[in-house]
C-alpha cells in the first residue's frame, strides 16, 4: 500500500477521492480494531498514512520521530516513512485554521469552547491558543466542564465541535443547544458528513458564521499530501479540491407544487451532474406496496405523511443525489432540516394552470391557487434558490 487512512470506522470517508485530486494515490481505507493498530504500524506496508478517530494519540508510541508541533499537540494525524524511520505530523492544526479563516471566523481575543477532548480537539486547542484566543475551554463527558454544566459558559464566543456527535450514519445528534449561547459569534463543526449537522443548521438559522468539517478535511489532506510527496504547493489548490469534493458529495433537492416538473427536471439534472436520481414519492410507493392515490384512499393523508417523513430522513442522510420531493414535504419542518443536511434546496416555480394533476390526489378537486398560496411561504423559507420552469 502506498498511501491510506487508518481508523476504526471508515465507511463514510471522502479521503480517497480527495487524495486522488491531490495526486497522492493510490489511497486506501484501512479499518483497524484497537488490537490491530500496533501490528499494522510495525509491519510498515505503506509510504504514508493519515490517522483518524480513535487513533491520533494511540499511534504515537509506534513512531520513530514526532515533529515538534505534533508532540506539543499530543496527537498525530499524518505518518510519513523516511529512510530514518516513521515520522509523525499533525496537519489538523493548519487545516482547522484554514477552515476558520475561510468562514471569516476569527479566534483572536475570543473565548473558545471546544467540545470533546480527543486528538482532533487537541489540535483545535493548540490552534486557538496559537492565534491568540483569550481563553480556551474544553468540554468532555467526565471533566470538570462537562455537558451537564456547559451552559454556565454562556459567554462563549466561538464553539467548536470536535466530537463525532452528528456524524454519519448517526445523523441528527446535537451535542449542545446553540441558542443558549447568546454571545456566540462563530461555530465550527469538524464533522464533514453530513455537510450540515443540526449544530450548523442551528447556526445558519441564527445567522451565526459557521464552517463544516469539509474545509478542514480537504485542507489537512493537502498539507498531508505535501508531506507524503516531499513538496510544498500553494494553498490555492485547497479551494479547487474543496469545490470538486463538495460538488461530488452534495445533494440537489427539488421542491415545489405537485406537477411542477421536479421528477422530469431531476432525472435530466442527475444525468448531467453524474449523481443518483431519487424520487421520494416513488420510494413511499415502494415501501407501502401501493400507489400514492391508494395510500390516500385506504390509509389517509396522515399515513402518507408519516411514510414520507421516514423516507426523507433516510434519503437525506446520503450524498451525491438529485432528490425530487413530494409537493407537501416542506410543510414538515423536520423534513426540511433532513433534506438540508447534505444539500442545496431548489424551489421549482411553475404557472398554476400548467401543473399536471393526474395521479395526484391532493391536486384533484381542490383550488390549486389556494393550495399554492398556503404553501408558497414554506417553499420560499426552505429554498436556497428558485428556478422558473416555463
Foldseek 3Di string as FASTA:
>chain_A
DEEEEEEADPPPDPLCVLVVLLVRDPYYYDHDDPVVQLVVVVVPPYAKYFYDPPCQQVCVVVWPEEDPVCVQLNGFGMWGQDPVTIYTYHLLLVLVVQQCVVLVHALAQFEEEEEDDGSSSSSVVCSSVVRHHPHYHYEDCPDPHYLVCVLVVLQGAEYEYPDCACAPPNHAGDSDDNVSNVNHQEYEYLHPQLVAGPVNVNCVVVVHGYGYNLSSVSSSSSVSSCVSVVHDDDPVSSVVSSVVSLLQWFEEEEEEAAQLCLQVVQVVVCVVSVFAEEELLVVLCVVVVHHPVVCCVPPNPVVSLVSSQVSLLVVLSGTRYYYYYYHCNLVDVVSLVSNPSGYAYEYEDEDPVNGDCPSPVVSPPDDVVVVCVVCVVSSVVSHPYYDYDD
